[in-house]
Amino acid sequence: ATVISREIGSGIVPMDAEERRWREFHGAVLQRL
């Protein structure tokens, strides 16, 4: 497949713990992809 993803790791680190967890989750997925 062609996989298209928004890059969400740049910019201000979210204050909300769940948002930070998702940001790290998404970053780990993008690294592996």
PDB file of all heavy atoms in Angstrom:
ATOM      1  N   ALA A   1       0.825  -1.209   0.000  1.00  0.00           N
ATOM      2  CA  ALA A   1       0.000   0.000   0.000  1.00  0.00           C
ATOM      3  C   ALA A   1       0.859   1.259   0.000  1.00  0.00           C
ATOM      4  O   ALA A   1       2.046   1.228   0.315  1.00  0.00           O
ATOM      5  CB  ALA A   1      -0.911   0.012   1.226  1.00  0.00           C
ATOM      6  N   THR A   2       0.217   2.362  -0.342  1.00  0.00           N
ATOM      7  CA  THR A   2       0.770   3.683  -0.113  1.00  0.00           C
ATOM      8  C   THR A   2       0.103   4.185   1.166  1.00  0.00           C
ATOM      9  O   THR A   2      -1.122   4.190   1.270  1.00  0.00           O
ATOM     10  CB  THR A   2       0.443   4.637  -1.283  1.00  0.00           C
ATOM     11  OG1 THR A   2       1.068   4.131  -2.467  1.00  0.00           O
ATOM     12  CG2 THR A   2       0.939   6.041  -1.004  1.00  0.00           C
ATOM     13  N   VAL A   3       0.907   4.541   2.159  1.00  0.00           N
ATOM     14  CA  VAL A   3       0.387   4.968   3.459  1.00  0.00           C
ATOM     15  C   VAL A   3       0.691   6.453   3.630  1.00  0.00           C
ATOM     16  O   VAL A   3       1.841   6.873   3.517  1.00  0.00           O
ATOM     17  CB  VAL A   3       1.022   4.149   4.603  1.00  0.00           C
ATOM     18  CG1 VAL A   3       0.517   4.633   5.953  1.00  0.00           C
ATOM     19  CG2 VAL A   3       0.751   2.657   4.417  1.00  0.00           C
ATOM     20  N   ILE A   4      -0.352   7.224   3.887  1.00  0.00           N
ATOM     21  CA  ILE A   4      -0.216   8.672   4.053  1.00  0.00           C
ATOM     22  C   ILE A   4      -0.531   9.031   5.499  1.00  0.00           C
ATOM     23  O   ILE A   4      -1.556   8.632   6.033  1.00  0.00           O
ATOM     24  CB  ILE A   4      -1.172   9.421   3.100  1.00  0.00           C
ATOM     25  CG1 ILE A   4      -0.866   9.042   1.651  1.00  0.00           C
ATOM     26  CG2 ILE A   4      -1.069  10.924   3.315  1.00  0.00           C
ATOM     27  CD1 ILE A   4      -1.869   9.580   0.661  1.00  0.00           C
ATOM     28  N   SER A   5       0.381   9.783   6.106  1.00  0.00           N
ATOM     29  CA  SER A   5       0.191  10.125   7.505  1.00  0.00           C
ATOM     30  C   SER A   5       0.578  11.566   7.789  1.00  0.00           C
ATOM     31  O   SER A   5       1.573  12.070   7.273  1.00  0.00           O
ATOM     32  CB  SER A   5       1.045   9.214   8.391  1.00  0.00           C
ATOM     33  OG  SER A   5       0.876   9.558   9.741  1.00  0.00           O
ATOM     34  N   ARG A   6      -0.204  12.172   8.650  1.00  0.00           N
ATOM     35  CA  ARG A   6       0.141  13.492   9.168  1.00  0.00           C
ATOM     36  C   ARG A   6       1.294  13.310  10.150  1.00  0.00           C
ATOM     37  O   ARG A   6       1.308  12.379  10.946  1.00  0.00           O
ATOM     38  CB  ARG A   6      -1.053  14.102   9.881  1.00  0.00           C
ATOM     39  CG  ARG A   6      -0.836  15.540  10.296  1.00  0.00           C
ATOM     40  CD  ARG A   6      -2.050  16.114  10.957  1.00  0.00           C
ATOM     41  NE  ARG A   6      -3.199  16.036  10.055  1.00  0.00           N
ATOM     42  CZ  ARG A   6      -4.464  16.138  10.471  1.00  0.00           C
ATOM     43  NH1 ARG A   6      -4.729  16.314  11.730  1.00  0.00           N
ATOM     44  NH2 ARG A   6      -5.446  16.065   9.608  1.00  0.00           N
ATOM     45  N   GLU A   7       2.258  14.188  10.094  1.00  0.00           N
ATOM     46  CA  GLU A   7       3.366  14.175  11.027  1.00  0.00           C
ATOM     47  C   GLU A   7       2.933  15.007  12.224  1.00  0.00           C
ATOM     48  O   GLU A   7       2.621  16.184  12.083  1.00  0.00           O
ATOM     49  CB  GLU A   7       4.612  14.757  10.366  1.00  0.00           C
ATOM     50  CG  GLU A   7       5.917  14.372  11.019  1.00  0.00           C
ATOM     51  CD  GLU A   7       6.104  14.926  12.404  1.00  0.00           C
ATOM     52  OE1 GLU A   7       5.945  16.141  12.584  1.00  0.00           O
ATOM     53  OE2 GLU A   7       6.368  14.147  13.331  1.00  0.00           O
ATOM     54  N   ILE A   8       2.852  14.397  13.391  1.00  0.00           N
ATOM     55  CA  ILE A   8       2.327  15.099  14.566  1.00  0.00           C
ATOM     56  C   ILE A   8       3.385  15.338  15.636  1.00  0.00           C
ATOM     57  O   ILE A   8       3.083  15.883  16.677  1.00  0.00           O
ATOM     58  CB  ILE A   8       1.136  14.329  15.191  1.00  0.00           C
ATOM     59  CG1 ILE A   8       1.567  12.946  15.667  1.00  0.00           C
ATOM     60  CG2 ILE A   8      -0.012  14.235  14.202  1.00  0.00           C
ATOM     61  CD1 ILE A   8       0.595  12.288  16.590  1.00  0.00           C
ATOM     62  N   GLY A   9       4.626  14.928  15.386  1.00  0.00           N
ATOM     63  CA  GLY A   9       5.656  15.003  16.411  1.00  0.00           C
ATOM     64  C   GLY A   9       6.374  16.333  16.503  1.00  0.00           C
ATOM     65  O   GLY A   9       7.123  16.566  17.439  1.00  0.00           O
ATOM     66  N   SER A  10       6.184  17.194  15.545  1.00  0.00           N
ATOM     67  CA  SER A  10       6.855  18.499  15.580  1.00  0.00           C
ATOM     68  C   SER A  10       5.985  19.487  16.347  1.00  0.00           C
ATOM     69  O   SER A  10       4.776  19.338  16.415  1.00  0.00           O
ATOM     70  CB  SER A  10       7.069  19.012  14.159  1.00  0.00           C
ATOM     71  OG  SER A  10       7.865  18.115  13.436  1.00  0.00           O
ATOM     72  N   GLY A  11       6.611  20.457  16.903  1.00  0.00           N
ATOM     73  CA  GLY A  11       5.836  21.496  17.585  1.00  0.00           C
ATOM     74  C   GLY A  11       5.805  21.316  19.083  1.00  0.00           C
ATOM     75  O   GLY A  11       6.626  20.638  19.683  1.00  0.00           O
ATOM     76  N   ILE A  12       4.810  21.909  19.690  1.00  0.00           N
ATOM     77  CA  ILE A  12       4.679  21.930  21.136  1.00  0.00           C
ATOM     78  C   ILE A  12       4.258  20.564  21.650  1.00  0.00           C
ATOM     79  O   ILE A  12       3.347  19.942  21.115  1.00  0.00           O
ATOM     80  CB  ILE A  12       3.645  23.008  21.553  1.00  0.00           C
ATOM     81  CG1 ILE A  12       4.136  24.383  21.091  1.00  0.00           C
ATOM     82  CG2 ILE A  12       3.405  22.992  23.063  1.00  0.00           C
ATOM     83  CD1 ILE A  12       3.122  25.479  21.242  1.00  0.00           C
ATOM     84  N   VAL A  13       4.923  20.115  22.701  1.00  0.00           N
ATOM     85  CA  VAL A  13       4.564  18.844  23.333  1.00  0.00           C
ATOM     86  C   VAL A  13       3.273  19.062  24.119  1.00  0.00           C
ATOM     87  O   VAL A  13       3.174  20.000  24.919  1.00  0.00           O
ATOM     88  CB  VAL A  13       5.687  18.355  24.277  1.00  0.00           C
ATOM     89  CG1 VAL A  13       5.280  17.083  25.003  1.00  0.00           C
ATOM     90  CG2 VAL A  13       6.978  18.145  23.500  1.00  0.00           C
ATOM     91  N   PRO A  14       2.262  18.207  23.884  1.00  0.00           N
ATOM     92  CA  PRO A  14       0.980  18.397  24.584  1.00  0.00           C
ATOM     93  C   PRO A  14       1.118  18.249  26.104  1.00  0.00           C
ATOM     94  O   PRO A  14       1.899  17.435  26.587  1.00  0.00           O
ATOM     95  CB  PRO A  14       0.106  17.276  24.029  1.00  0.00           C
ATOM     96  CG  PRO A  14       0.796  16.760  22.825  1.00  0.00           C
ATOM     97  CD  PRO A  14       2.235  17.073  22.974  1.00  0.00           C
ATOM     98  N   MET A  15       0.321  19.028  26.824  1.00  0.00           N
ATOM     99  CA  MET A  15       0.311  18.920  28.287  1.00  0.00           C
ATOM    100  C   MET A  15      -0.447  17.681  28.737  1.00  0.00           C
ATOM    101  O   MET A  15      -0.103  17.080  29.745  1.00  0.00           O
ATOM    102  CB  MET A  15      -0.320  20.174  28.909  1.00  0.00           C
ATOM    103  CG  MET A  15       0.552  21.404  28.769  1.00  0.00           C
ATOM    104  SD  MET A  15      -0.189  22.891  29.485  1.00  0.00           S
ATOM    105  CE  MET A  15      -0.462  22.420  31.165  1.00  0.00           C
ATOM    106  N   ASP A  16      -1.473  17.295  27.994  1.00  0.00           N
ATOM    107  CA  ASP A  16      -2.306  16.150  28.343  1.00  0.00           C
ATOM    108  C   ASP A  16      -1.527  14.846  28.179  1.00  0.00           C
ATOM    109  O   ASP A  16      -0.944  14.584  27.119  1.00  0.00           O
ATOM    110  CB  ASP A  16      -3.553  16.148  27.444  1.00  0.00           C
ATOM    111  CG  ASP A  16      -4.483  15.007  27.767  1.00  0.00           C
ATOM    112  OD1 ASP A  16      -5.092  15.030  28.849  1.00  0.00           O
ATOM    113  OD2 ASP A  16      -4.577  14.083  26.929  1.00  0.00           O
ATOM    114  N   ALA A  17      -1.527  14.009  29.197  1.00  0.00           N
ATOM    115  CA  ALA A  17      -0.767  12.753  29.180  1.00  0.00           C
ATOM    116  C   ALA A  17      -1.215  11.813  28.067  1.00  0.00           C
ATOM    117  O   ALA A  17      -0.389  11.153  27.428  1.00  0.00           O
ATOM    118  CB  ALA A  17      -0.880  12.056  30.539  1.00  0.00           C
ATOM    119  N   GLU A  18      -2.512  11.753  27.813  1.00  0.00           N
ATOM    120  CA  GLU A  18      -3.015  10.866  26.747  1.00  0.00           C
ATOM    121  C   GLU A  18      -2.572  11.350  25.368  1.00  0.00           C
ATOM    122  O   GLU A  18      -2.265  10.543  24.493  1.00  0.00           O
ATOM    123  CB  GLU A  18      -4.544  10.747  26.811  1.00  0.00           C
ATOM    124  CG  GLU A  18      -5.027   9.868  27.949  1.00  0.00           C
ATOM    125  CD  GLU A  18      -4.455   8.453  27.902  1.00  0.00           C
ATOM    126  OE1 GLU A  18      -4.521   7.810  26.829  1.00  0.00           O
ATOM    127  OE2 GLU A  18      -3.920   8.001  28.924  1.00  0.00           O
ATOM    128  N   GLU A  19      -2.552  12.654  25.184  1.00  0.00           N
ATOM    129  CA  GLU A  19      -2.082  13.208  23.916  1.00  0.00           C
ATOM    130  C   GLU A  19      -0.594  12.920  23.716  1.00  0.00           C
ATOM    131  O   GLU A  19      -0.157  12.609  22.609  1.00  0.00           O
ATOM    132  CB  GLU A  19      -2.347  14.719  23.837  1.00  0.00           C
ATOM    133  CG  GLU A  19      -3.806  15.078  23.634  1.00  0.00           C
ATOM    134  CD  GLU A  19      -4.315  14.651  22.272  1.00  0.00           C
ATOM    135  OE1 GLU A  19      -3.715  14.996  21.236  1.00  0.00           O
ATOM    136  OE2 GLU A  19      -5.348  13.947  22.233  1.00  0.00           O
ATOM    137  N   ARG A  20       0.185  13.026  24.790  1.00  0.00           N
ATOM    138  CA  ARG A  20       1.614  12.694  24.694  1.00  0.00           C
ATOM    139  C   ARG A  20       1.806  11.219  24.406  1.00  0.00           C
ATOM    140  O   ARG A  20       2.657  10.849  23.601  1.00  0.00           O
ATOM    141  CB  ARG A  20       2.348  13.067  25.993  1.00  0.00           C
ATOM    142  CG  ARG A  20       2.570  14.536  26.173  1.00  0.00           C
ATOM    143  CD  ARG A  20       3.566  14.829  27.283  1.00  0.00           C
ATOM    144  NE  ARG A  20       3.278  14.162  28.534  1.00  0.00           N
ATOM    145  CZ  ARG A  20       2.462  14.616  29.479  1.00  0.00           C
ATOM    146  NH1 ARG A  20       1.821  15.771  29.291  1.00  0.00           N
ATOM    147  NH2 ARG A  20       2.278  13.955  30.590  1.00  0.00           N
ATOM    148  N   ARG A  21       1.006  10.360  25.030  1.00  0.00           N
ATOM    149  CA  ARG A  21       1.098   8.918  24.796  1.00  0.00           C
ATOM    150  C   ARG A  21       0.799   8.613  23.334  1.00  0.00           C
ATOM    151  O   ARG A  21       1.501   7.836  22.696  1.00  0.00           O
ATOM    152  CB  ARG A  21       0.126   8.172  25.713  1.00  0.00           C
ATOM    153  CG  ARG A  21       0.185   6.663  25.595  1.00  0.00           C
ATOM    154  CD  ARG A  21      -0.824   6.018  26.572  1.00  0.00           C
ATOM    155  NE  ARG A  21      -0.946   4.615  26.570  1.00  0.00           N
ATOM    156  CZ  ARG A  21      -1.187   3.796  25.554  1.00  0.00           C
ATOM    157  NH1 ARG A  21      -1.282   4.277  24.353  1.00  0.00           N
ATOM    158  NH2 ARG A  21      -1.308   2.505  25.689  1.00  0.00           N
ATOM    159  N   TRP A  22      -0.254   9.221  22.780  1.00  0.00           N
ATOM    160  CA  TRP A  22      -0.581   9.000  21.367  1.00  0.00           C
ATOM    161  C   TRP A  22       0.537   9.507  20.458  1.00  0.00           C
ATOM    162  O   TRP A  22       0.906   8.846  19.495  1.00  0.00           O
ATOM    163  CB  TRP A  22      -1.908   9.675  21.012  1.00  0.00           C
ATOM    164  CG  TRP A  22      -2.157   9.715  19.533  1.00  0.00           C
ATOM    165  CD1 TRP A  22      -2.171   8.649  18.668  1.00  0.00           C
ATOM    166  CD2 TRP A  22      -2.385  10.863  18.739  1.00  0.00           C
ATOM    167  NE1 TRP A  22      -2.418   9.074  17.382  1.00  0.00           N
ATOM    168  CE2 TRP A  22      -2.555  10.447  17.406  1.00  0.00           C
ATOM    169  CE3 TRP A  22      -2.485  12.221  19.029  1.00  0.00           C
ATOM    170  CZ2 TRP A  22      -2.803  11.327  16.367  1.00  0.00           C
ATOM    171  CZ3 TRP A  22      -2.744  13.094  17.992  1.00  0.00           C
ATOM    172  CH2 TRP A  22      -2.901  12.643  16.679  1.00  0.00           C
ATOM    173  N   ARG A  23       1.081  10.667  20.777  1.00  0.00           N
ATOM    174  CA  ARG A  23       2.174  11.230  19.973  1.00  0.00           C
ATOM    175  C   ARG A  23       3.362  10.271  19.935  1.00  0.00           C
ATOM    176  O   ARG A  23       3.948  10.025  18.876  1.00  0.00           O
ATOM    177  CB  ARG A  23       2.575  12.585  20.568  1.00  0.00           C
ATOM    178  CG  ARG A  23       3.687  13.286  19.877  1.00  0.00           C
ATOM    179  CD  ARG A  23       3.904  14.616  20.571  1.00  0.00           C
ATOM    180  NE  ARG A  23       5.224  15.142  20.329  1.00  0.00           N
ATOM    181  CZ  ARG A  23       5.470  16.410  20.147  1.00  0.00           C
ATOM    182  NH1 ARG A  23       4.494  17.292  20.176  1.00  0.00           N
ATOM    183  NH2 ARG A  23       6.688  16.824  19.931  1.00  0.00           N
ATOM    184  N   GLU A  24       3.701   9.674  21.069  1.00  0.00           N
ATOM    185  CA  GLU A  24       4.800   8.705  21.129  1.00  0.00           C
ATOM    186  C   GLU A  24       4.435   7.421  20.382  1.00  0.00           C
ATOM    187  O   GLU A  24       5.263   6.845  19.669  1.00  0.00           O
ATOM    188  CB  GLU A  24       5.150   8.401  22.580  1.00  0.00           C
ATOM    189  CG  GLU A  24       5.789   9.589  23.283  1.00  0.00           C
ATOM    190  CD  GLU A  24       5.935   9.390  24.779  1.00  0.00           C
ATOM    191  OE1 GLU A  24       5.791   8.249  25.261  1.00  0.00           O
ATOM    192  OE2 GLU A  24       6.189  10.389  25.470  1.00  0.00           O
ATOM    193  N   PHE A  25       3.199   6.970  20.541  1.00  0.00           N
ATOM    194  CA  PHE A  25       2.687   5.782  19.848  1.00  0.00           C
ATOM    195  C   PHE A  25       2.796   5.991  18.336  1.00  0.00           C
ATOM    196  O   PHE A  25       3.337   5.149  17.605  1.00  0.00           O
ATOM    197  CB  PHE A  25       1.229   5.568  20.274  1.00  0.00           C
ATOM    198  CG  PHE A  25       0.534   4.375  19.689  1.00  0.00           C
ATOM    199  CD1 PHE A  25       0.340   3.239  20.446  1.00  0.00           C
ATOM    200  CD2 PHE A  25       0.037   4.390  18.391  1.00  0.00           C
ATOM    201  CE1 PHE A  25      -0.332   2.133  19.931  1.00  0.00           C
ATOM    202  CE2 PHE A  25      -0.630   3.301  17.852  1.00  0.00           C
ATOM    203  CZ  PHE A  25      -0.805   2.170  18.627  1.00  0.00           C
ATOM    204  N   HIS A  26       2.275   7.115  17.863  1.00  0.00           N
ATOM    205  CA  HIS A  26       2.278   7.417  16.433  1.00  0.00           C
ATOM    206  C   HIS A  26       3.710   7.527  15.910  1.00  0.00           C
ATOM    207  O   HIS A  26       4.026   7.018  14.829  1.00  0.00           O
ATOM    208  CB  HIS A  26       1.498   8.710  16.176  1.00  0.00           C
ATOM    209  CG  HIS A  26       1.315   9.024  14.733  1.00  0.00           C
ATOM    210  ND1 HIS A  26       0.492   8.286  13.910  1.00  0.00           N
ATOM    211  CD2 HIS A  26       1.852  10.003  13.956  1.00  0.00           C
ATOM    212  CE1 HIS A  26       0.517   8.789  12.685  1.00  0.00           C
ATOM    213  NE2 HIS A  26       1.331   9.830  12.694  1.00  0.00           N
ATOM    214  N   GLY A  27       4.580   8.159  16.663  1.00  0.00           N
ATOM    215  CA  GLY A  27       5.987   8.271  16.267  1.00  0.00           C
ATOM    216  C   GLY A  27       6.657   6.917  16.150  1.00  0.00           C
ATOM    217  O   GLY A  27       7.417   6.662  15.203  1.00  0.00           O
ATOM    218  N   ALA A  28       6.379   6.011  17.081  1.00  0.00           N
ATOM    219  CA  ALA A  28       6.955   4.657  17.027  1.00  0.00           C
ATOM    220  C   ALA A  28       6.452   3.912  15.796  1.00  0.00           C
ATOM    221  O   ALA A  28       7.212   3.208  15.119  1.00  0.00           O
ATOM    222  CB  ALA A  28       6.605   3.885  18.301  1.00  0.00           C
ATOM    223  N   VAL A  29       5.161   4.075  15.487  1.00  0.00           N
ATOM    224  CA  VAL A  29       4.587   3.430  14.301  1.00  0.00           C
ATOM    225  C   VAL A  29       5.258   3.982  13.036  1.00  0.00           C
ATOM    226  O   VAL A  29       5.663   3.214  12.158  1.00  0.00           O
ATOM    227  CB  VAL A  29       3.050   3.611  14.254  1.00  0.00           C
ATOM    228  CG1 VAL A  29       2.484   3.230  12.895  1.00  0.00           C
ATOM    229  CG2 VAL A  29       2.397   2.788  15.359  1.00  0.00           C
ATOM    230  N   LEU A  30       5.405   5.298  12.936  1.00  0.00           N
ATOM    231  CA  LEU A  30       6.021   5.891  11.749  1.00  0.00           C
ATOM    232  C   LEU A  30       7.469   5.452  11.586  1.00  0.00           C
ATOM    233  O   LEU A  30       7.928   5.197  10.465  1.00  0.00           O
ATOM    234  CB  LEU A  30       5.941   7.419  11.797  1.00  0.00           C
ATOM    235  CG  LEU A  30       4.580   8.029  11.509  1.00  0.00           C
ATOM    236  CD1 LEU A  30       4.647   9.554  11.604  1.00  0.00           C
ATOM    237  CD2 LEU A  30       4.062   7.615  10.143  1.00  0.00           C
ATOM    238  N   GLN A  31       8.195   5.335  12.679  1.00  0.00           N
ATOM    239  CA  GLN A  31       9.588   4.880  12.587  1.00  0.00           C
ATOM    240  C   GLN A  31       9.674   3.484  11.998  1.00  0.00           C
ATOM    241  O   GLN A  31      10.491   3.202  11.118  1.00  0.00           O
ATOM    242  CB  GLN A  31      10.244   4.889  13.972  1.00  0.00           C
ATOM    243  CG  GLN A  31      10.522   6.265  14.495  1.00  0.00           C
ATOM    244  CD  GLN A  31      11.117   6.202  15.878  1.00  0.00           C
ATOM    245  OE1 GLN A  31      12.089   5.482  16.110  1.00  0.00           O
ATOM    246  NE2 GLN A  31      10.548   6.967  16.799  1.00  0.00           N
ATOM    247  N   ARG A  32       8.815   2.594  12.470  1.00  0.00           N
ATOM    248  CA  ARG A  32       8.816   1.222  11.962  1.00  0.00           C
ATOM    249  C   ARG A  32       8.366   1.181  10.504  1.00  0.00           C
ATOM    250  O   ARG A  32       8.942   0.460   9.688  1.00  0.00           O
ATOM    251  CB  ARG A  32       7.911   0.355  12.834  1.00  0.00           C
ATOM    252  CG  ARG A  32       7.774  -1.074  12.374  1.00  0.00           C
ATOM    253  CD  ARG A  32       9.045  -1.903  12.623  1.00  0.00           C
ATOM    254  NE  ARG A  32       8.871  -3.243  12.148  1.00  0.00           N
ATOM    255  CZ  ARG A  32       8.263  -4.218  12.813  1.00  0.00           C
ATOM    256  NH1 ARG A  32       7.793  -3.993  14.034  1.00  0.00           N
ATOM    257  NH2 ARG A  32       8.145  -5.413  12.290  1.00  0.00           N
ATOM    258  N   LEU A  33       7.335   1.941  10.163  1.00  0.00           N
ATOM    259  CA  LEU A  33       6.869   1.977   8.777  1.00  0.00           C
ATOM    260  C   LEU A  33       7.965   2.512   7.855  1.00  0.00           C
ATOM    261  O   LEU A  33       8.143   2.006   6.743  1.00  0.00           O
ATOM    262  CB  LEU A  33       5.604   2.817   8.643  1.00  0.00           C
ATOM    263  CG  LEU A  33       4.337   2.263   9.302  1.00  0.00           C
ATOM    264  CD1 LEU A  33       3.161   3.193   9.038  1.00  0.00           C
ATOM    265  CD2 LEU A  33       4.029   0.859   8.837  1.00  0.00           C
TER     266      LEU A  33
END
